[in-house]
């Protein structure tokens, strides 16, 4: 799966759960730009796990600052 496909899947999750109405780009920051509070960030993480059938390690989730970081983590998990 390409990064573009992963990004499109994350964008779909964000729209489906009213987390972000617009187009996502890798450089958008989850908290500052998307204004995700802890509940919305948790929703995004769980729904991304469901969408891609991956497990995002909670200890590593703190290192996810941007949409690009999330794309990279999903890609790594898909490769495992």
Protein backbone atom coordinates (compact mmCIF):
# COMPACT_ATOMS: atom_id res chain seq x y z
CA UNK A 1 0.00 0.00 0.00
CA UNK A 2 1.37 3.40 -0.94
CA UNK A 3 1.62 6.43 1.32
CA UNK A 4 -1.01 8.15 -0.85
CA UNK A 5 -3.44 5.26 -0.28
CA UNK A 6 -2.78 5.33 3.46
CA UNK A 7 -3.28 9.11 3.55
CA UNK A 8 -6.56 8.73 1.63
CA UNK A 9 -7.72 6.10 4.12
CA UNK A 10 -6.87 8.32 7.09
CA UNK A 11 -8.66 11.22 5.41
CA UNK A 12 -11.74 9.02 4.95
CA UNK A 13 -11.67 8.04 8.63
CA UNK A 14 -11.33 11.69 9.66
CA UNK A 15 -14.30 12.72 7.51
CA UNK A 16 -16.48 9.76 8.54
CA UNK A 17 -16.01 10.60 12.22
CA UNK A 18 -16.28 14.39 11.85
CA UNK A 19 -12.67 14.90 12.91
CA UNK A 20 -11.62 17.00 9.89
CA UNK A 21 -13.79 18.10 6.98
CA UNK A 22 -11.06 19.06 4.54
CA UNK A 23 -8.18 17.50 2.69
CA UNK A 24 -5.35 16.14 4.81
CA UNK A 25 -1.69 16.63 4.03
CA UNK A 26 1.34 15.05 5.64
CA UNK A 27 2.48 18.29 7.28
CA UNK A 28 -0.73 18.99 9.22
CA UNK A 29 -0.22 18.71 12.97
CA UNK A 30 -2.84 16.66 14.78
CA UNK A 31 -3.27 18.91 17.81
CA UNK A 32 -2.40 22.36 16.53
CA UNK A 33 -3.82 22.21 12.99
CA UNK A 34 -6.58 19.61 13.24
CA UNK A 35 -7.43 20.68 16.80
CA UNK A 36 -7.80 17.09 18.00
CA UNK A 37 -8.37 16.85 21.72
CA UNK A 38 -7.57 13.61 23.55
CA UNK A 39 -10.94 12.02 22.77
CA UNK A 40 -10.76 12.88 19.07
CA UNK A 41 -7.14 11.68 18.88
CA UNK A 42 -8.16 8.38 20.49
CA UNK A 43 -11.06 8.05 18.06
CA UNK A 44 -8.72 8.66 15.13
CA UNK A 45 -6.21 6.09 16.42
CA UNK A 46 -8.83 3.39 17.02
CA UNK A 47 -10.58 3.96 13.71
CA UNK A 48 -7.28 3.99 11.79
CA UNK A 49 -6.43 0.67 13.46
CA UNK A 50 -9.81 -0.70 12.37
CA UNK A 51 -9.53 0.67 8.83
CA UNK A 52 -6.07 -0.73 8.18
CA UNK A 53 -6.26 -3.72 10.55
CA UNK A 54 -3.06 -2.69 12.35
CA UNK A 55 -2.07 -2.11 15.97
CA UNK A 56 -0.68 1.30 16.91
CA UNK A 57 1.47 0.90 20.00
CA UNK A 58 0.16 3.34 22.65
CA UNK A 59 3.72 4.04 23.79
CA UNK A 60 4.64 5.15 20.27
CA UNK A 61 1.45 7.15 19.72
CA UNK A 62 2.98 10.05 21.64
CA UNK A 63 5.55 10.36 18.85
CA UNK A 64 2.80 10.97 16.28
CA UNK A 65 2.72 14.73 15.83
CA UNK A 66 1.71 15.12 12.20
CA UNK A 67 -0.50 13.30 9.74
CA UNK A 68 2.72 12.21 8.03
CA UNK A 69 3.90 10.57 11.26
CA UNK A 70 0.64 8.63 11.35
CA UNK A 71 1.01 7.59 7.71
CA UNK A 72 4.56 6.38 8.41
CA UNK A 73 3.47 4.38 11.45
CA UNK A 74 0.62 2.71 9.57
CA UNK A 75 3.00 1.86 6.69
CA UNK A 76 5.47 0.28 9.13
CA UNK A 77 2.74 -1.76 10.78
CA UNK A 78 1.37 -2.93 7.43
CA UNK A 79 4.88 -4.15 6.52
CA UNK A 80 5.03 -6.35 9.64
